[in-house]
Structures are given as structure tokens and as C-alpha cells.
C-alpha atoms as a PDB file:
ATOM      1  CA  MET A   1      12.265  10.205   0.278  1.00  0.00           C
ATOM      2  CA  GLU A   2      10.287   9.489   3.397  1.00  0.00           C
ATOM      3  CA  PHE A   3      10.275   6.017   4.878  1.00  0.00           C
ATOM      4  CA  PHE A   4       7.778   3.794   6.627  1.00  0.00           C
ATOM      5  CA  THR A   5       7.381   4.398  10.319  1.00  0.00           C
ATOM      6  CA  LYS A   6       6.716   2.110  13.232  1.00  0.00           C
ATOM      7  CA  GLU A   7       3.268   3.710  13.404  1.00  0.00           C
ATOM      8  CA  HIS A   8       2.461   2.423   9.898  1.00  0.00           C
ATOM      9  CA  PHE A   9       3.260  -1.148  10.896  1.00  0.00           C
ATOM     10  CA  ASP A  10       1.517  -0.807  14.267  1.00  0.00           C
ATOM     11  CA  LEU A  11      -1.648   0.356  12.485  1.00  0.00           C
ATOM     12  CA  LEU A  12      -1.435  -2.502   9.969  1.00  0.00           C
ATOM     13  CA  ASN A  13      -1.217  -4.948  12.881  1.00  0.00           C
ATOM     14  CA  LYS A  14      -3.934  -3.290  14.935  1.00  0.00           C
ATOM     15  CA  TYR A  15      -6.590  -2.862  12.243  1.00  0.00           C
ATOM     16  CA  HIS A  16      -5.974  -5.702   9.790  1.00  0.00           C
ATOM     17  CA  SER A  17      -9.199  -7.465   8.820  1.00  0.00           C
ATOM     18  CA  GLN A  18     -11.325  -4.988  10.791  1.00  0.00           C
ATOM     19  CA  LYS A  19     -14.237  -3.402   8.953  1.00  0.00           C
ATOM     20  CA  ASN A  20     -13.610   0.297   8.399  1.00  0.00           C
ATOM     21  CA  ASP A  21     -16.217   2.273  10.346  1.00  0.00           C
ATOM     22  CA  LYS A  22     -16.380   5.751   8.807  1.00  0.00           C
ATOM     23  CA  SER A  23     -18.206   7.077  11.880  1.00  0.00           C
ATOM     24  CA  ASN A  24     -15.239   6.068  14.090  1.00  0.00           C
ATOM     25  CA  ASP A  25     -12.650   8.851  14.432  1.00  0.00           C
ATOM     26  CA  GLU A  26      -9.923   6.343  15.291  1.00  0.00           C
ATOM     27  CA  HIS A  27     -10.605   4.401  12.085  1.00  0.00           C
ATOM     28  CA  ASN A  28     -10.628   7.626  10.065  1.00  0.00           C
ATOM     29  CA  GLU A  29      -7.213   8.604  11.440  1.00  0.00           C
ATOM     30  CA  ALA A  30      -5.831   5.110  10.793  1.00  0.00           C
ATOM     31  CA  TYR A  31      -7.179   5.249   7.223  1.00  0.00           C
ATOM     32  CA  LYS A  32      -5.453   8.603   6.686  1.00  0.00           C
ATOM     33  CA  VAL A  33      -2.093   7.484   8.095  1.00  0.00           C
ATOM     34  CA  LEU A  34      -2.182   4.162   6.237  1.00  0.00           C
ATOM     35  CA  GLY A  35      -3.096   6.046   3.063  1.00  0.00           C
ATOM     36  CA  GLU A  36       0.171   7.943   3.502  1.00  0.00           C
ATOM     37  CA  ALA A  37       1.993   4.606   3.783  1.00  0.00           C
ATOM     38  CA  TYR A  38       0.442   3.454   0.508  1.00  0.00           C
ATOM     39  CA  GLN A  39       1.658   6.669  -1.127  1.00  0.00           C
ATOM     40  CA  LEU A  40       5.169   5.822   0.107  1.00  0.00           C
ATOM     41  CA  VAL A  41       4.815   2.349  -1.437  1.00  0.00           C
ATOM     42  CA  HIS A  42       3.758   3.952  -4.714  1.00  0.00           C
ATOM     43  CA  THR A  43       6.769   6.298  -4.741  1.00  0.00           C
ATOM     44  CA  TRP A  44       9.141   3.449  -3.835  1.00  0.00           C
ATOM     45  CA  ALA A  45       7.638   1.158  -6.478  1.00  0.00           C
ATOM     46  CA  ASN A  46       8.013   3.763  -9.203  1.00  0.00           C
ATOM     47  CA  ASN A  47      11.638   4.329  -8.224  1.00  0.00           C
ATOM     48  CA  VAL A  48      12.308   0.577  -8.439  1.00  0.00           C
ATOM     49  CA  LYS A  49      10.524   0.346 -11.779  1.00  0.00           C
ATOM     50  CA  ASN A  50      12.385   3.299 -13.241  1.00  0.00           C
ATOM     51  CA  THR A  51      15.708   1.845 -12.105  1.00  0.00           C
ATOM     52  CA  LEU A  52      15.203  -1.793 -13.071  1.00  0.00           C
ATOM     53  CA  PHE A  53      12.753  -1.863 -15.972  1.00  0.00           C
ATOM     54  CA  ASP A  54      11.591   1.523 -17.159  1.00  0.00           C
ATOM     55  CA  GLN A  55       9.253  -0.028 -19.737  1.00  0.00           C
ATOM     56  CA  GLY A  56       7.316  -1.735 -16.936  1.00  0.00           C
ATOM     57  CA  LYS A  57       4.119  -0.755 -15.181  1.00  0.00           C
ATOM     58  CA  VAL A  58       3.372  -0.422 -11.470  1.00  0.00           C
ATOM     59  CA  ASP A  59       0.023  -1.679 -10.162  1.00  0.00           C
ATOM     60  CA  ILE A  60      -0.680  -0.724  -6.594  1.00  0.00           C
ATOM     61  CA  ARG A  61      -3.568  -0.805  -4.179  1.00  0.00           C
ATOM     62  CA  LYS A  62      -4.131   2.830  -3.307  1.00  0.00           C
ATOM     63  CA  ALA A  63      -6.557   2.397  -0.429  1.00  0.00           C
ATOM     64  CA  PRO A  64      -5.773   0.845   2.946  1.00  0.00           C
ATOM     65  CA  THR A  65      -8.996  -1.173   2.730  1.00  0.00           C
ATOM     66  CA  ASN A  66     -10.102  -3.974   0.424  1.00  0.00           C
ATOM     67  CA  GLN A  67     -13.379  -4.227  -1.521  1.00  0.00           C
ATOM     68  CA  ALA A  68     -15.158  -5.390   1.640  1.00  0.00           C
ATOM     69  CA  GLN A  69     -13.954  -2.180   3.339  1.00  0.00           C
ATOM     70  CA  GLN A  70     -11.761  -4.156   5.730  1.00  0.00           C
ATOM     71  CA  PHE A  71      -8.305  -2.860   6.553  1.00  0.00           C
ATOM     72  CA  ALA A  72      -5.599  -4.798   4.721  1.00  0.00           C
ATOM     73  CA  SER A  73      -2.806  -6.447   6.682  1.00  0.00           C
ATOM     74  CA  TYR A  74      -0.047  -5.690   4.182  1.00  0.00           C
ATOM     75  CA  LEU A  75       1.275  -3.151   1.705  1.00  0.00           C
ATOM     76  CA  SER A  76       1.556  -4.563  -1.804  1.00  0.00           C
ATOM     77  CA  VAL A  77       2.688  -3.672  -5.269  1.00  0.00           C
ATOM     78  CA  SER A  78       3.110  -5.597  -8.507  1.00  0.00           C
ATOM     79  CA  TYR A  79       5.249  -4.866 -11.536  1.00  0.00           C
ATOM     80  CA  THR A  80       4.468  -5.923 -15.063  1.00  0.00           C
ATOM     81  CA  HIS A  81       6.546  -5.719 -18.216  1.00  0.00           C
ATOM     82  CA  LEU A  82       5.644  -6.674 -21.754  1.00  0.00           C
ATOM     83  CA  THR A  83       8.435  -9.224 -22.034  1.00  0.00           C
ATOM     84  CA  LEU A  84       8.767 -10.314 -18.403  1.00  0.00           C
ATOM     85  CA  PRO A  85       6.420 -12.244 -16.147  1.00  0.00           C
ATOM     86  CA  THR A  86       4.588 -10.275 -13.483  1.00  0.00           C
ATOM     87  CA  ILE A  87       6.811  -9.594 -10.501  1.00  0.00           C
ATOM     88  CA  TYR A  88       5.108  -9.189  -7.117  1.00  0.00           C
ATOM     89  CA  SER A  89       6.473  -7.550  -4.026  1.00  0.00           C
ATOM     90  CA  VAL A  90       4.775  -7.538  -0.652  1.00  0.00           C
END
């Protein structure tokens, strides 16, 4: 399994809360690289779920931007299970 890189965290710090400008090549590259980081979070989260509570469900933000098209400042995932409260990991 691949791991997060310093570049992922540098991009989170650099672009957090900035509006994504699709005409800006630098933003497009950041979006692509951060999208890869979110895929790593998804893989990691599924591995945790399968190990700890295989009946659970993983909910994950799959885009590096929020509904306002601003870059997020964190990677997040939540786990839910029918008989357990929702467990969040940031």
C-alpha cells in the first residue's frame, strides 16, 4: 500500500480554503495530487473497516474540494455500523 507523502500535506496547507480555479494549471495539478491522497484514505479506511468491523460502512469525501469548490484543509473518513455509534477519523 502506498502512503501519504509530504507533498500531500504541503498541498493541503498551501491550498486550504482557497477557491478551486479550474483555469489555473497549478490548482488543477493540486486537485489531481490531492485526489490521489483521498484515494489512499479510501483504501486505508476500507482496510481498517475490514479488520475491525467488517459489517460497517465507510463514508468518505472523494473530492479535495467542498461544495463551495474550496480546497479542504484535511482528509476525513467516517465509519458507521448498525450496532455501533458513528466513528469519525480525521
